[in-house]
Amino acid sequence: MLLSLPPLVNVALFLSFIIVLFGTFGLHLFAGMYEYRCRQTEKPIGDTWPLLDNYYVLCNPTLDNCPAGSFCGAPITENIPWDEEEINIPQFNYGLTGFDDIWTAM
């Protein structure tokens, strides 16, 4: 049983490398996708961009799947600060499962 440990360490190291590789790939692939939400105005007002009231569905800017009279947008595209309160709601799991940490560092 002790002789099987060195090959198992090699397999564990390779598996760790694969997990980190795909984790990094997924982080960059999905970064910013949870930023696009339906907004009340087409452009930000100062440093804020108000969300559509009681509408917590993510939107797609190419499909424009927001209700009539609202606009799909993300603060990062307009170079305004990210509002931390937008993710502090149960519908977005309080920001725990998002990939948006890369944008907050900018």
C-alpha atoms as a PDB file:
ATOM      1  CA  MET A   1       0.000   0.000   0.000  1.00  0.00           C
ATOM      2  CA  LEU A   2       2.871   2.382   0.718  1.00  0.00           C
ATOM      3  CA  LEU A   3       4.334   1.711  -2.733  1.00  0.00           C
ATOM      4  CA  SER A   4       1.166   3.043  -4.357  1.00  0.00           C
ATOM      5  CA  LEU A   5       1.470   6.483  -2.702  1.00  0.00           C
ATOM      6  CA  PRO A   6       3.983   8.092  -5.145  1.00  0.00           C
ATOM      7  CA  PRO A   7       1.788   7.388  -8.216  1.00  0.00           C
ATOM      8  CA  LEU A   8      -1.267   8.642  -6.303  1.00  0.00           C
ATOM      9  CA  VAL A   9       0.554  11.884  -5.470  1.00  0.00           C
ATOM     10  CA  ASN A  10       1.298  12.324  -9.173  1.00  0.00           C
ATOM     11  CA  VAL A  11      -2.357  11.811 -10.025  1.00  0.00           C
ATOM     12  CA  ALA A  12      -3.452  14.227  -7.273  1.00  0.00           C
ATOM     13  CA  LEU A  13      -1.035  16.908  -8.522  1.00  0.00           C
ATOM     14  CA  PHE A  14      -2.232  16.473 -12.099  1.00  0.00           C
ATOM     15  CA  LEU A  15      -5.873  16.646 -10.969  1.00  0.00           C
ATOM     16  CA  SER A  16      -5.148  19.817  -8.971  1.00  0.00           C
ATOM     17  CA  PHE A  17      -3.527  21.378 -12.030  1.00  0.00           C
ATOM     18  CA  ILE A  18      -6.573  20.539 -14.175  1.00  0.00           C
ATOM     19  CA  ILE A  19      -8.969  21.973 -11.571  1.00  0.00           C
ATOM     20  CA  VAL A  20      -6.990  25.226 -11.342  1.00  0.00           C
ATOM     21  CA  LEU A  21      -6.741  25.431 -15.140  1.00  0.00           C
ATOM     22  CA  PHE A  22     -10.471  25.006 -15.727  1.00  0.00           C
ATOM     23  CA  GLY A  23     -11.294  27.222 -12.739  1.00  0.00           C
ATOM     24  CA  THR A  24      -9.223  30.041 -14.220  1.00  0.00           C
ATOM     25  CA  PHE A  25     -10.769  29.465 -17.636  1.00  0.00           C
ATOM     26  CA  GLY A  26     -14.286  29.559 -16.168  1.00  0.00           C
ATOM     27  CA  LEU A  27     -13.530  32.681 -14.160  1.00  0.00           C
ATOM     28  CA  HIS A  28     -12.421  34.586 -17.242  1.00  0.00           C
ATOM     29  CA  LEU A  29     -15.179  33.145 -19.413  1.00  0.00           C
ATOM     30  CA  PHE A  30     -18.008  34.142 -17.078  1.00  0.00           C
ATOM     31  CA  ALA A  31     -16.518  37.299 -15.555  1.00  0.00           C
ATOM     32  CA  GLY A  32     -18.971  40.172 -15.715  1.00  0.00           C
ATOM     33  CA  MET A  33     -21.948  38.064 -16.794  1.00  0.00           C
ATOM     34  CA  TYR A  34     -23.741  38.703 -13.490  1.00  0.00           C
ATOM     35  CA  GLU A  35     -23.372  42.451 -13.962  1.00  0.00           C
ATOM     36  CA  TYR A  36     -25.948  42.796 -16.744  1.00  0.00           C
ATOM     37  CA  ARG A  37     -29.304  43.664 -15.226  1.00  0.00           C
ATOM     38  CA  CYS A  38     -32.377  45.529 -16.371  1.00  0.00           C
ATOM     39  CA  ARG A  39     -31.940  49.234 -15.593  1.00  0.00           C
ATOM     40  CA  GLN A  40     -34.435  52.100 -15.352  1.00  0.00           C
ATOM     41  CA  THR A  41     -32.466  54.429 -17.628  1.00  0.00           C
ATOM     42  CA  GLU A  42     -30.464  53.872 -20.799  1.00  0.00           C
ATOM     43  CA  LYS A  43     -27.337  55.525 -19.359  1.00  0.00           C
ATOM     44  CA  PRO A  44     -26.087  55.978 -15.782  1.00  0.00           C
ATOM     45  CA  ILE A  45     -27.053  59.022 -13.763  1.00  0.00           C
ATOM     46  CA  GLY A  46     -23.794  60.290 -12.289  1.00  0.00           C
ATOM     47  CA  ASP A  47     -22.096  57.362 -10.549  1.00  0.00           C
ATOM     48  CA  THR A  48     -25.260  55.294 -10.131  1.00  0.00           C
ATOM     49  CA  TRP A  49     -27.374  53.277 -12.506  1.00  0.00           C
ATOM     50  CA  PRO A  50     -30.723  52.386 -10.901  1.00  0.00           C
ATOM     51  CA  LEU A  51     -32.059  48.865 -11.265  1.00  0.00           C
ATOM     52  CA  LEU A  52     -35.551  48.121 -12.444  1.00  0.00           C
ATOM     53  CA  ASP A  53     -37.699  47.907  -9.309  1.00  0.00           C
ATOM     54  CA  ASN A  54     -38.360  44.374  -8.007  1.00  0.00           C
ATOM     55  CA  TYR A  55     -36.977  42.781 -11.175  1.00  0.00           C
ATOM     56  CA  TYR A  56     -34.017  40.560 -10.305  1.00  0.00           C
ATOM     57  CA  VAL A  57     -33.521  38.724 -13.583  1.00  0.00           C
ATOM     58  CA  LEU A  58     -30.192  38.872 -15.372  1.00  0.00           C
ATOM     59  CA  CYS A  59     -30.362  40.182 -18.920  1.00  0.00           C
ATOM     60  CA  ASN A  60     -28.418  39.731 -22.122  1.00  0.00           C
ATOM     61  CA  PRO A  61     -27.397  42.935 -23.935  1.00  0.00           C
ATOM     62  CA  THR A  62     -27.466  41.279 -27.358  1.00  0.00           C
ATOM     63  CA  LEU A  63     -30.944  39.776 -26.876  1.00  0.00           C
ATOM     64  CA  ASP A  64     -32.397  42.808 -25.065  1.00  0.00           C
ATOM     65  CA  ASN A  65     -34.635  40.615 -22.926  1.00  0.00           C
ATOM     66  CA  CYS A  66     -35.678  43.338 -20.455  1.00  0.00           C
ATOM     67  CA  PRO A  67     -39.294  44.470 -20.067  1.00  0.00           C
ATOM     68  CA  ALA A  68     -40.519  47.341 -22.209  1.00  0.00           C
ATOM     69  CA  GLY A  69     -39.187  50.705 -21.089  1.00  0.00           C
ATOM     70  CA  SER A  70     -36.083  49.289 -19.394  1.00  0.00           C
ATOM     71  CA  PHE A  71     -32.548  48.788 -20.616  1.00  0.00           C
ATOM     72  CA  CYS A  72     -29.954  46.043 -20.203  1.00  0.00           C
ATOM     73  CA  GLY A  73     -26.600  47.255 -18.943  1.00  0.00           C
ATOM     74  CA  ALA A  74     -23.606  46.711 -16.690  1.00  0.00           C
ATOM     75  CA  PRO A  75     -21.717  49.372 -14.732  1.00  0.00           C
ATOM     76  CA  ILE A  76     -18.359  48.092 -15.980  1.00  0.00           C
ATOM     77  CA  THR A  77     -19.248  49.020 -19.562  1.00  0.00           C
ATOM     78  CA  GLU A  78     -19.845  52.645 -18.511  1.00  0.00           C
ATOM     79  CA  ASN A  79     -16.781  52.896 -16.214  1.00  0.00           C
ATOM     80  CA  ILE A  80     -18.795  53.618 -13.099  1.00  0.00           C
ATOM     81  CA  PRO A  81     -18.240  51.976  -9.697  1.00  0.00           C
ATOM     82  CA  TRP A  82     -19.977  48.711  -9.019  1.00  0.00           C
ATOM     83  CA  ASP A  83     -22.806  49.035  -6.490  1.00  0.00           C
ATOM     84  CA  GLU A  84     -22.209  46.354  -3.852  1.00  0.00           C
ATOM     85  CA  GLU A  85     -25.860  46.562  -2.769  1.00  0.00           C
ATOM     86  CA  GLU A  86     -26.981  45.109  -6.113  1.00  0.00           C
ATOM     87  CA  ILE A  87     -25.744  41.660  -5.168  1.00  0.00           C
ATOM     88  CA  ASN A  88     -26.775  41.857  -1.516  1.00  0.00           C
ATOM     89  CA  ILE A  89     -30.129  40.220  -2.242  1.00  0.00           C
ATOM     90  CA  PRO A  90     -31.270  36.584  -1.940  1.00  0.00           C
ATOM     91  CA  GLN A  91     -32.000  36.276  -5.673  1.00  0.00           C
ATOM     92  CA  PHE A  92     -28.269  36.569  -6.421  1.00  0.00           C
ATOM     93  CA  ASN A  93     -27.199  34.427  -3.464  1.00  0.00           C
ATOM     94  CA  TYR A  94     -25.750  37.497  -1.730  1.00  0.00           C
ATOM     95  CA  GLY A  95     -22.877  37.574  -4.228  1.00  0.00           C
ATOM     96  CA  LEU A  96     -21.414  34.259  -3.103  1.00  0.00           C
ATOM     97  CA  THR A  97     -21.602  32.406  -6.405  1.00  0.00           C
ATOM     98  CA  GLY A  98     -20.709  35.179  -8.845  1.00  0.00           C
ATOM     99  CA  PHE A  99     -17.607  35.488 -10.989  1.00  0.00           C
ATOM    100  CA  ASP A 100     -17.464  39.275 -10.750  1.00  0.00           C
ATOM    101  CA  ASP A 101     -14.545  39.668  -8.359  1.00  0.00           C
ATOM    102  CA  ILE A 102     -12.255  40.372 -11.299  1.00  0.00           C
ATOM    103  CA  TRP A 103     -14.231  43.523 -12.110  1.00  0.00           C
ATOM    104  CA  THR A 104     -14.142  44.938  -8.595  1.00  0.00           C
ATOM    105  CA  ALA A 105     -10.346  45.060  -8.733  1.00  0.00           C
ATOM    106  CA  MET A 106     -10.393  47.386 -11.733  1.00  0.00           C
END
